[in-house]
Amino acid sequence: MDSPSDPTAHPSAPAPAGRDRRTAIITAGALLAIVVIALAVLFLTREDADDVTAGGGSTTSTTGAGSSSTTAPPSSTSTTSTTRPSTSTTAGTVSDEDAATVVWPDPGGSLVYDQPLDAARGFSTDLVGLTDPILGELQEGDSRSGEVPIRSANDGPVTTVLVRQLGDDHWYVIGATTPDIVVDDPVAGTAIDDPLLVSGRARAFEGTVQVAVYQRGSTDPLGEGFVTGSGDADLGPFTDEVRWDNPVGGWGVVVFFTTSAKDGAVLQATAIPVGFIGGD
């Protein structure tokens, strides 16, 4: 006799429908959680990047033909520049080298000229002795130098005054020339001693050219003399000695000038900047 079968012992019996639904729900929930976590991580990462950019993060600037990368400080940090404008230790002063070229006035004195024509006029009246000079226009060599033609009268000979603006922004006379007095010695910038040997070529009334030695900035001569060149239209040579009191060091100027036979007024001049032997 056959025994009745036990349905619970059959190996191929299907799982209950309720258990399958629970497994599906758990699996779907796990996948949803993973997606939510991934989205949250992505959102937080993007937000951090935006914060860095807004706070002054890494930026790139291009200058000239190349480029350089610089990192700006966070927006919450305040920075103060400590860079000072560049300055020159010689600004507003006249260097020793430039001072050695000056005829008038003394760079170390109180007399200054803000305009080139004023410097030329002061030189011609105070040092040379022209009573009422007639000044032409400044003929610029560059933005800080030039020449000023001066006459003692409308029909008088021309003296060309050389002017220059030095480091203190004031104007100075660095020499003067006239075609009627050409000086070979002394040479500009050389040191002289007593007696002073002078030479050159000149033409003047009776060939007479006056010579005076001055300490720079002073109108009182340290010594005076004269030389004789040509009395006619051609330049004639001169060579002679001029005695003067050497102050032993410092700077000065030697002025060669001619005067009128009519009234003795100064007509024209050549001026040479020199040094004095005997200083440190």
C-alpha atoms as a PDB file:
ATOM      1  CA  MET A   1       0.000   0.000   0.000  1.00  0.00           C
ATOM      2  CA  ASP A   2       1.271   3.333  -0.972  1.00  0.00           C
ATOM      3  CA  SER A   3       1.839   5.873   1.876  1.00  0.00           C
ATOM      4  CA  PRO A   4       0.621   9.409   1.430  1.00  0.00           C
ATOM      5  CA  SER A   5       3.308  11.968   0.248  1.00  0.00           C
ATOM      6  CA  ASP A   6       4.655  14.817   2.554  1.00  0.00           C
ATOM      7  CA  PRO A   7       4.533  18.065   0.628  1.00  0.00           C
ATOM      8  CA  THR A   8       7.008  19.872   2.962  1.00  0.00           C
ATOM      9  CA  ALA A   9       9.769  17.439   2.185  1.00  0.00           C
ATOM     10  CA  HIS A  10       9.668  17.954  -1.609  1.00  0.00           C
ATOM     11  CA  PRO A  11      12.996  19.651  -2.696  1.00  0.00           C
ATOM     12  CA  SER A  12      11.583  21.535  -5.644  1.00  0.00           C
ATOM     13  CA  ALA A  13       8.807  23.256  -3.805  1.00  0.00           C
ATOM     14  CA  PRO A  14       8.635  27.028  -4.717  1.00  0.00           C
ATOM     15  CA  ALA A  15       9.431  29.804  -2.095  1.00  0.00           C
ATOM     16  CA  PRO A  16       6.511  31.605  -0.687  1.00  0.00           C
ATOM     17  CA  ALA A  17       5.511  34.772  -2.592  1.00  0.00           C
ATOM     18  CA  GLY A  18       5.853  37.022   0.506  1.00  0.00           C
ATOM     19  CA  ARG A  19       9.561  36.239   0.980  1.00  0.00           C
ATOM     20  CA  ASP A  20      10.412  37.191  -2.658  1.00  0.00           C
ATOM     21  CA  ARG A  21       8.785  40.604  -2.274  1.00  0.00           C
ATOM     22  CA  ARG A  22      10.747  41.374   0.881  1.00  0.00           C
ATOM     23  CA  THR A  23      14.044  40.498  -0.836  1.00  0.00           C
ATOM     24  CA  ALA A  24      13.251  42.770  -3.808  1.00  0.00           C
ATOM     25  CA  ILE A  25      12.365  45.658  -1.533  1.00  0.00           C
ATOM     26  CA  ILE A  26      15.610  45.323   0.470  1.00  0.00           C
ATOM     27  CA  THR A  27      17.699  45.190  -2.707  1.00  0.00           C
ATOM     28  CA  ALA A  28      16.013  48.272  -4.209  1.00  0.00           C
ATOM     29  CA  GLY A  29      16.460  50.173  -0.961  1.00  0.00           C
ATOM     30  CA  ALA A  30      20.189  49.389  -0.898  1.00  0.00           C
ATOM     31  CA  LEU A  31      20.629  50.611  -4.487  1.00  0.00           C
ATOM     32  CA  LEU A  32      18.700  53.807  -3.736  1.00  0.00           C
ATOM     33  CA  ALA A  33      20.906  54.486  -0.708  1.00  0.00           C
ATOM     34  CA  ILE A  34      24.054  54.061  -2.803  1.00  0.00           C
ATOM     35  CA  VAL A  35      22.721  56.524  -5.410  1.00  0.00           C
ATOM     36  CA  VAL A  36      21.813  59.080  -2.735  1.00  0.00           C
ATOM     37  CA  ILE A  37      25.268  58.819  -1.155  1.00  0.00           C
ATOM     38  CA  ALA A  38      26.995  59.247  -4.548  1.00  0.00           C
ATOM     39  CA  LEU A  39      24.898  62.325  -5.355  1.00  0.00           C
ATOM     40  CA  ALA A  40      25.669  63.837  -1.957  1.00  0.00           C
ATOM     41  CA  VAL A  41      29.421  63.324  -2.400  1.00  0.00           C
ATOM     42  CA  LEU A  42      29.291  64.889  -5.890  1.00  0.00           C
ATOM     43  CA  PHE A  43      27.308  67.892  -4.594  1.00  0.00           C
ATOM     44  CA  LEU A  44      29.680  68.498  -1.665  1.00  0.00           C
ATOM     45  CA  THR A  45      32.758  68.265  -3.922  1.00  0.00           C
ATOM     46  CA  ARG A  46      31.334  70.835  -6.361  1.00  0.00           C
ATOM     47  CA  GLU A  47      30.375  73.180  -3.502  1.00  0.00           C
ATOM     48  CA  ASP A  48      33.961  73.054  -2.129  1.00  0.00           C
ATOM     49  CA  ALA A  49      35.358  73.936  -5.543  1.00  0.00           C
ATOM     50  CA  ASP A  50      32.999  76.917  -5.835  1.00  0.00           C
ATOM     51  CA  ASP A  51      34.081  78.117  -2.387  1.00  0.00           C
ATOM     52  CA  VAL A  52      37.764  78.012  -3.362  1.00  0.00           C
ATOM     53  CA  THR A  53      37.120  80.038  -6.526  1.00  0.00           C
ATOM     54  CA  ALA A  54      35.033  82.633  -4.690  1.00  0.00           C
ATOM     55  CA  GLY A  55      37.665  82.929  -1.973  1.00  0.00           C
ATOM     56  CA  GLY A  56      40.478  83.901  -4.334  1.00  0.00           C
ATOM     57  CA  GLY A  57      41.947  80.569  -5.283  1.00  0.00           C
ATOM     58  CA  SER A  58      44.485  79.853  -7.988  1.00  0.00           C
ATOM     59  CA  THR A  59      44.428  82.349 -10.861  1.00  0.00           C
ATOM     60  CA  THR A  60      46.552  82.782 -13.956  1.00  0.00           C
ATOM     61  CA  SER A  61      47.759  86.142 -15.305  1.00  0.00           C
ATOM     62  CA  THR A  62      49.526  86.826 -18.570  1.00  0.00           C
ATOM     63  CA  THR A  63      52.191  89.517 -18.886  1.00  0.00           C
ATOM     64  CA  GLY A  64      53.978  90.379 -22.096  1.00  0.00           C
ATOM     65  CA  ALA A  65      54.825  87.385 -24.249  1.00  0.00           C
ATOM     66  CA  GLY A  66      54.852  84.837 -21.370  1.00  0.00           C
ATOM     67  CA  SER A  67      52.452  83.844 -18.599  1.00  0.00           C
ATOM     68  CA  SER A  68      52.847  83.135 -14.922  1.00  0.00           C
ATOM     69  CA  SER A  69      50.583  81.463 -12.378  1.00  0.00           C
ATOM     70  CA  THR A  70      49.993  83.169  -9.066  1.00  0.00           C
ATOM     71  CA  THR A  71      47.899  82.199  -6.050  1.00  0.00           C
ATOM     72  CA  ALA A  72      45.743  84.957  -4.641  1.00  0.00           C
ATOM     73  CA  PRO A  73      45.112  85.090  -0.882  1.00  0.00           C
ATOM     74  CA  PRO A  74      41.708  84.034   0.505  1.00  0.00           C
ATOM     75  CA  SER A  75      39.086  86.762   0.458  1.00  0.00           C
ATOM     76  CA  SER A  76      38.985  86.772   4.245  1.00  0.00           C
ATOM     77  CA  THR A  77      42.665  87.776   4.450  1.00  0.00           C
ATOM     78  CA  SER A  78      43.637  91.445   4.144  1.00  0.00           C
ATOM     79  CA  THR A  79      47.118  92.199   2.769  1.00  0.00           C
ATOM     80  CA  THR A  80      49.090  95.458   2.867  1.00  0.00           C
ATOM     81  CA  SER A  81      51.856  96.229   0.366  1.00  0.00           C
ATOM     82  CA  THR A  82      55.216  97.063   1.913  1.00  0.00           C
ATOM     83  CA  THR A  83      56.840  98.038  -1.410  1.00  0.00           C
ATOM     84  CA  ARG A  84      58.178 101.626  -1.360  1.00  0.00           C
ATOM     85  CA  PRO A  85      58.640 103.818  -4.439  1.00  0.00           C
ATOM     86  CA  SER A  86      62.177 103.630  -5.786  1.00  0.00           C
ATOM     87  CA  THR A  87      64.279 106.644  -4.853  1.00  0.00           C
ATOM     88  CA  SER A  88      67.728 107.820  -5.870  1.00  0.00           C
ATOM     89  CA  THR A  89      70.259 108.737  -3.223  1.00  0.00           C
ATOM     90  CA  THR A  90      71.480 111.504  -5.518  1.00  0.00           C
ATOM     91  CA  ALA A  91      68.046 112.947  -6.310  1.00  0.00           C
ATOM     92  CA  GLY A  92      67.960 116.705  -5.749  1.00  0.00           C
ATOM     93  CA  THR A  93      71.735 117.036  -5.584  1.00  0.00           C
ATOM     94  CA  VAL A  94      74.565 117.795  -7.982  1.00  0.00           C
ATOM     95  CA  SER A  95      77.147 115.035  -8.305  1.00  0.00           C
ATOM     96  CA  ASP A  96      80.834 115.835  -7.895  1.00  0.00           C
ATOM     97  CA  GLU A  97      81.394 114.969 -11.534  1.00  0.00           C
ATOM     98  CA  ASP A  98      78.741 117.433 -12.714  1.00  0.00           C
ATOM     99  CA  ALA A  99      79.860 120.096 -10.258  1.00  0.00           C
ATOM    100  CA  ALA A 100      83.335 120.020 -11.803  1.00  0.00           C
ATOM    101  CA  THR A 101      81.847 121.292 -15.072  1.00  0.00           C
ATOM    102  CA  VAL A 102      80.106 124.336 -13.589  1.00  0.00           C
ATOM    103  CA  VAL A 103      81.176 127.921 -14.222  1.00  0.00           C
ATOM    104  CA  TRP A 104      78.255 129.769 -12.621  1.00  0.00           C
ATOM    105  CA  PRO A 105      76.741 129.750 -10.008  1.00  0.00           C
ATOM    106  CA  ASP A 106      78.292 127.627  -7.255  1.00  0.00           C
ATOM    107  CA  PRO A 107      76.221 124.399  -6.843  1.00  0.00           C
ATOM    108  CA  GLY A 108      76.882 124.595  -3.110  1.00  0.00           C
ATOM    109  CA  GLY A 109      75.674 128.175  -2.781  1.00  0.00           C
ATOM    110  CA  SER A 110      72.311 129.799  -2.216  1.00  0.00           C
ATOM    111  CA  LEU A 111      72.002 131.329  -5.692  1.00  0.00           C
ATOM    112  CA  VAL A 112      69.927 129.110  -7.990  1.00  0.00           C
ATOM    113  CA  TYR A 113      68.236 129.499 -11.360  1.00  0.00           C
ATOM    114  CA  ASP A 114      65.057 127.725 -12.381  1.00  0.00           C
ATOM    115  CA  GLN A 115      65.264 128.858 -16.007  1.00  0.00           C
ATOM    116  CA  PRO A 116      68.178 128.586 -18.477  1.00  0.00           C
ATOM    117  CA  LEU A 117      67.895 132.194 -19.665  1.00  0.00           C
ATOM    118  CA  ASP A 118      68.089 133.434 -16.078  1.00  0.00           C
ATOM    119  CA  ALA A 119      71.302 131.472 -15.547  1.00  0.00           C
ATOM    120  CA  ALA A 120      72.805 132.904 -18.747  1.00  0.00           C
ATOM    121  CA  ARG A 121      71.814 136.432 -17.801  1.00  0.00           C
ATOM    122  CA  GLY A 122      73.167 136.131 -14.258  1.00  0.00           C
ATOM    123  CA  PHE A 123      76.480 134.830 -15.547  1.00  0.00           C
ATOM    124  CA  SER A 124      76.869 137.581 -18.136  1.00  0.00           C
ATOM    125  CA  THR A 125      76.030 140.442 -15.768  1.00  0.00           C
ATOM    126  CA  ASP A 126      77.373 139.287 -12.391  1.00  0.00           C
ATOM    127  CA  LEU A 127      80.543 137.489 -13.473  1.00  0.00           C
ATOM    128  CA  VAL A 128      81.484 138.726 -16.940  1.00  0.00           C
ATOM    129  CA  GLY A 129      80.309 142.281 -16.402  1.00  0.00           C
ATOM    130  CA  LEU A 130      77.988 142.992 -19.339  1.00  0.00           C
ATOM    131  CA  THR A 131      75.837 145.940 -18.317  1.00  0.00           C
ATOM    132  CA  ASP A 132      72.695 145.274 -20.353  1.00  0.00           C
ATOM    133  CA  PRO A 133      73.045 141.978 -22.264  1.00  0.00           C
ATOM    134  CA  ILE A 134      70.711 141.134 -25.111  1.00  0.00           C
ATOM    135  CA  LEU A 135      69.706 137.475 -24.862  1.00  0.00           C
ATOM    136  CA  GLY A 136      68.599 135.318 -27.762  1.00  0.00           C
ATOM    137  CA  GLU A 137      66.406 132.240 -27.505  1.00  0.00           C
ATOM    138  CA  LEU A 138      67.577 129.014 -25.929  1.00  0.00           C
ATOM    139  CA  GLN A 139      68.912 126.654 -28.570  1.00  0.00           C
ATOM    140  CA  GLU A 140      68.275 123.239 -27.056  1.00  0.00           C
ATOM    141  CA  GLY A 141      70.863 120.501 -27.300  1.00  0.00           C
ATOM    142  CA  ASP A 142      68.522 118.134 -25.451  1.00  0.00           C
ATOM    143  CA  SER A 143      65.835 118.452 -22.778  1.00  0.00           C
ATOM    144  CA  ARG A 144      68.408 119.399 -20.112  1.00  0.00           C
ATOM    145  CA  SER A 145      71.009 121.455 -21.982  1.00  0.00           C
ATOM    146  CA  GLY A 146      71.405 124.145 -24.579  1.00  0.00           C
ATOM    147  CA  GLU A 147      73.063 127.366 -25.718  1.00  0.00           C
ATOM    148  CA  VAL A 148      72.045 130.980 -25.246  1.00  0.00           C
ATOM    149  CA  PRO A 149      73.497 133.642 -27.601  1.00  0.00           C
ATOM    150  CA  ILE A 150      74.241 136.946 -25.874  1.00  0.00           C
ATOM    151  CA  ARG A 151      75.286 140.325 -27.262  1.00  0.00           C
ATOM    152  CA  SER A 152      76.460 143.418 -25.452  1.00  0.00           C
ATOM    153  CA  ALA A 153      74.610 145.497 -28.077  1.00  0.00           C
ATOM    154  CA  ASN A 154      72.440 144.866 -31.125  1.00  0.00           C
ATOM    155  CA  ASP A 155      75.470 144.980 -33.416  1.00  0.00           C
ATOM    156  CA  GLY A 156      77.909 143.548 -30.873  1.00  0.00           C
ATOM    157  CA  PRO A 157      79.842 140.246 -31.106  1.00  0.00           C
ATOM    158  CA  VAL A 158      78.095 137.086 -29.953  1.00  0.00           C
ATOM    159  CA  THR A 159      79.021 135.217 -26.795  1.00  0.00           C
ATOM    160  CA  THR A 160      77.502 131.727 -26.675  1.00  0.00           C
ATOM    161  CA  VAL A 161      76.652 130.710 -23.112  1.00  0.00           C
ATOM    162  CA  LEU A 162      76.406 126.963 -22.493  1.00  0.00           C
ATOM    163  CA  VAL A 163      73.739 125.993 -19.954  1.00  0.00           C
ATOM    164  CA  ARG A 164      72.728 122.691 -18.380  1.00  0.00           C
ATOM    165  CA  GLN A 165      70.104 121.488 -15.922  1.00  0.00           C
ATOM    166  CA  LEU A 166      71.800 119.333 -13.287  1.00  0.00           C
ATOM    167  CA  GLY A 167      70.605 116.777 -10.743  1.00  0.00           C
ATOM    168  CA  ASP A 168      69.003 119.333  -8.428  1.00  0.00           C
ATOM    169  CA  ASP A 169      66.825 120.486 -11.380  1.00  0.00           C
ATOM    170  CA  HIS A 170      68.419 123.959 -11.387  1.00  0.00           C
ATOM    171  CA  TRP A 171      70.190 125.504 -14.358  1.00  0.00           C
ATOM    172  CA  TYR A 172      73.912 126.246 -14.462  1.00  0.00           C
ATOM    173  CA  VAL A 173      76.381 127.800 -16.877  1.00  0.00           C
ATOM    174  CA  ILE A 174      79.071 125.292 -17.827  1.00  0.00           C
ATOM    175  CA  GLY A 175      81.060 127.512 -20.163  1.00  0.00           C
ATOM    176  CA  ALA A 176      81.026 130.329 -22.682  1.00  0.00           C
ATOM    177  CA  THR A 177      82.673 130.787 -26.063  1.00  0.00           C
ATOM    178  CA  THR A 178      83.174 133.468 -28.664  1.00  0.00           C
ATOM    179  CA  PRO A 179      84.790 133.082 -32.083  1.00  0.00           C
ATOM    180  CA  ASP A 180      87.087 136.024 -31.339  1.00  0.00           C
ATOM    181  CA  ILE A 181      88.770 134.283 -28.355  1.00  0.00           C
ATOM    182  CA  VAL A 182      89.818 130.653 -28.818  1.00  0.00           C
ATOM    183  CA  VAL A 183      91.529 129.188 -25.738  1.00  0.00           C
ATOM    184  CA  ASP A 184      93.885 126.206 -25.922  1.00  0.00           C
ATOM    185  CA  ASP A 185      95.100 126.376 -22.287  1.00  0.00           C
ATOM    186  CA  PRO A 186      93.771 125.927 -19.734  1.00  0.00           C
ATOM    187  CA  VAL A 187      91.580 123.036 -20.802  1.00  0.00           C
ATOM    188  CA  ALA A 188      88.153 122.796 -19.175  1.00  0.00           C
ATOM    189  CA  GLY A 189      88.224 120.647 -16.045  1.00  0.00           C
ATOM    190  CA  THR A 190      91.990 120.730 -15.479  1.00  0.00           C
ATOM    191  CA  ALA A 191      93.651 121.843 -12.237  1.00  0.00           C
ATOM    192  CA  ILE A 192      95.653 125.057 -12.389  1.00  0.00           C
ATOM    193  CA  ASP A 193      98.275 126.701 -10.188  1.00  0.00           C
ATOM    194  CA  ASP A 194     100.010 130.044  -9.897  1.00  0.00           C
ATOM    195  CA  PRO A 195     101.296 131.268 -12.253  1.00  0.00           C
ATOM    196  CA  LEU A 196      98.675 130.285 -14.802  1.00  0.00           C
ATOM    197  CA  LEU A 197     100.020 129.628 -18.283  1.00  0.00           C
ATOM    198  CA  VAL A 198      97.450 130.589 -20.924  1.00  0.00           C
ATOM    199  CA  SER A 199      97.560 130.184 -24.690  1.00  0.00           C
ATOM    200  CA  GLY A 200      95.257 130.413 -27.661  1.00  0.00           C
ATOM    201  CA  ARG A 201      94.260 132.732 -30.497  1.00  0.00           C
ATOM    202  CA  ALA A 202      92.338 135.979 -30.460  1.00  0.00           C
ATOM    203  CA  ARG A 203      91.437 139.149 -32.283  1.00  0.00           C
ATOM    204  CA  ALA A 204      90.527 142.357 -30.478  1.00  0.00           C
ATOM    205  CA  PHE A 205      91.145 146.074 -30.457  1.00  0.00           C
ATOM    206  CA  GLU A 206      94.921 146.370 -30.378  1.00  0.00           C
ATOM    207  CA  GLY A 207      94.911 142.592 -29.835  1.00  0.00           C
ATOM    208  CA  THR A 208      94.311 142.967 -26.091  1.00  0.00           C
ATOM    209  CA  VAL A 209      92.356 140.275 -24.243  1.00  0.00           C
ATOM    210  CA  GLN A 210      91.759 140.579 -20.491  1.00  0.00           C
ATOM    211  CA  VAL A 211      92.127 137.476 -18.298  1.00  0.00           C
ATOM    212  CA  ALA A 212      90.683 136.979 -14.806  1.00  0.00           C
ATOM    213  CA  VAL A 213      90.696 133.995 -12.439  1.00  0.00           C
ATOM    214  CA  TYR A 214      87.725 133.546 -10.062  1.00  0.00           C
ATOM    215  CA  GLN A 215      86.810 131.147  -7.333  1.00  0.00           C
ATOM    216  CA  ARG A 216      83.498 129.584  -8.312  1.00  0.00           C
ATOM    217  CA  GLY A 217      80.568 131.605  -7.025  1.00  0.00           C
ATOM    218  CA  SER A 218      82.665 134.712  -6.319  1.00  0.00           C
ATOM    219  CA  THR A 219      82.788 137.904  -8.387  1.00  0.00           C
ATOM    220  CA  ASP A 220      86.060 139.070  -6.827  1.00  0.00           C
ATOM    221  CA  PRO A 221      88.998 137.937  -9.002  1.00  0.00           C
ATOM    222  CA  LEU A 222      91.867 135.982  -7.468  1.00  0.00           C
ATOM    223  CA  GLY A 223      94.145 137.476 -10.102  1.00  0.00           C
ATOM    224  CA  GLU A 224      94.025 139.450 -13.357  1.00  0.00           C
ATOM    225  CA  GLY A 225      96.200 140.000 -16.390  1.00  0.00           C
ATOM    226  CA  PHE A 226      96.038 140.301 -20.157  1.00  0.00           C
ATOM    227  CA  VAL A 227      97.357 138.656 -23.312  1.00  0.00           C
ATOM    228  CA  THR A 228      97.881 140.016 -26.796  1.00  0.00           C
ATOM    229  CA  GLY A 229      96.527 138.349 -29.888  1.00  0.00           C
ATOM    230  CA  SER A 230      95.734 139.979 -33.233  1.00  0.00           C
ATOM    231  CA  GLY A 231      94.538 143.529 -33.830  1.00  0.00           C
ATOM    232  CA  ASP A 232      93.154 142.831 -37.296  1.00  0.00           C
ATOM    233  CA  ALA A 233      90.555 140.514 -38.827  1.00  0.00           C
ATOM    234  CA  ASP A 234      92.578 137.338 -38.445  1.00  0.00           C
ATOM    235  CA  LEU A 235      93.048 135.460 -35.203  1.00  0.00           C
ATOM    236  CA  GLY A 236      96.516 135.883 -33.757  1.00  0.00           C
ATOM    237  CA  PRO A 237      98.257 133.531 -31.272  1.00  0.00           C
ATOM    238  CA  PHE A 238      98.887 134.460 -27.666  1.00  0.00           C
ATOM    239  CA  THR A 239     100.877 132.869 -24.854  1.00  0.00           C
ATOM    240  CA  ASP A 240     101.499 134.384 -21.451  1.00  0.00           C
ATOM    241  CA  GLU A 241     101.337 133.935 -17.671  1.00  0.00           C
ATOM    242  CA  VAL A 242      98.753 135.318 -15.274  1.00  0.00           C
ATOM    243  CA  ARG A 243      99.544 135.637 -11.568  1.00  0.00           C
ATOM    244  CA  TRP A 244      96.799 134.828  -9.075  1.00  0.00           C
ATOM    245  CA  ASP A 245      96.299 133.781  -5.456  1.00  0.00           C
ATOM    246  CA  ASN A 246      95.615 130.065  -5.293  1.00  0.00           C
ATOM    247  CA  PRO A 247      93.155 129.279  -2.452  1.00  0.00           C
ATOM    248  CA  VAL A 248      94.648 125.751  -2.416  1.00  0.00           C
ATOM    249  CA  GLY A 249      91.850 123.529  -3.614  1.00  0.00           C
ATOM    250  CA  GLY A 250      88.322 124.034  -4.802  1.00  0.00           C
ATOM    251  CA  TRP A 251      86.856 125.012  -8.138  1.00  0.00           C
ATOM    252  CA  GLY A 252      86.972 128.123 -10.234  1.00  0.00           C
ATOM    253  CA  VAL A 253      86.725 129.708 -13.662  1.00  0.00           C
ATOM    254  CA  VAL A 254      89.093 131.542 -15.979  1.00  0.00           C
ATOM    255  CA  VAL A 255      87.402 134.300 -18.005  1.00  0.00           C
ATOM    256  CA  PHE A 256      88.911 135.793 -21.170  1.00  0.00           C
ATOM    257  CA  PHE A 257      87.117 138.932 -22.374  1.00  0.00           C
ATOM    258  CA  THR A 258      87.495 141.967 -24.594  1.00  0.00           C
ATOM    259  CA  THR A 259      86.406 145.531 -23.896  1.00  0.00           C
ATOM    260  CA  SER A 260      85.241 148.471 -25.966  1.00  0.00           C
ATOM    261  CA  ALA A 261      87.832 151.077 -26.978  1.00  0.00           C
ATOM    262  CA  LYS A 262      85.059 153.667 -26.683  1.00  0.00           C
ATOM    263  CA  ASP A 263      83.902 153.237 -23.081  1.00  0.00           C
ATOM    264  CA  GLY A 264      85.634 150.126 -21.711  1.00  0.00           C
ATOM    265  CA  ALA A 265      82.418 148.094 -21.619  1.00  0.00           C
ATOM    266  CA  VAL A 266      82.769 144.351 -21.858  1.00  0.00           C
ATOM    267  CA  LEU A 267      81.993 143.095 -25.349  1.00  0.00           C
ATOM    268  CA  GLN A 268      82.384 139.305 -25.310  1.00  0.00           C
ATOM    269  CA  ALA A 269      83.884 136.480 -23.294  1.00  0.00           C
ATOM    270  CA  THR A 270      85.142 132.911 -23.206  1.00  0.00           C
ATOM    271  CA  ALA A 271      84.874 131.105 -19.841  1.00  0.00           C
ATOM    272  CA  ILE A 272      86.643 127.886 -18.815  1.00  0.00           C
ATOM    273  CA  PRO A 273      85.774 125.809 -15.675  1.00  0.00           C
ATOM    274  CA  VAL A 274      88.922 124.723 -13.778  1.00  0.00           C
ATOM    275  CA  GLY A 275      90.060 123.192 -10.512  1.00  0.00           C
ATOM    276  CA  PHE A 276      92.698 124.558  -8.140  1.00  0.00           C
ATOM    277  CA  ILE A 277      95.791 122.525  -7.302  1.00  0.00           C
ATOM    278  CA  GLY A 278      96.462 121.954  -3.641  1.00  0.00           C
ATOM    279  CA  GLY A 279      93.202 120.500  -2.379  1.00  0.00           C
ATOM    280  CA  ASP A 280      92.586 117.048  -0.944  1.00  0.00           C
END
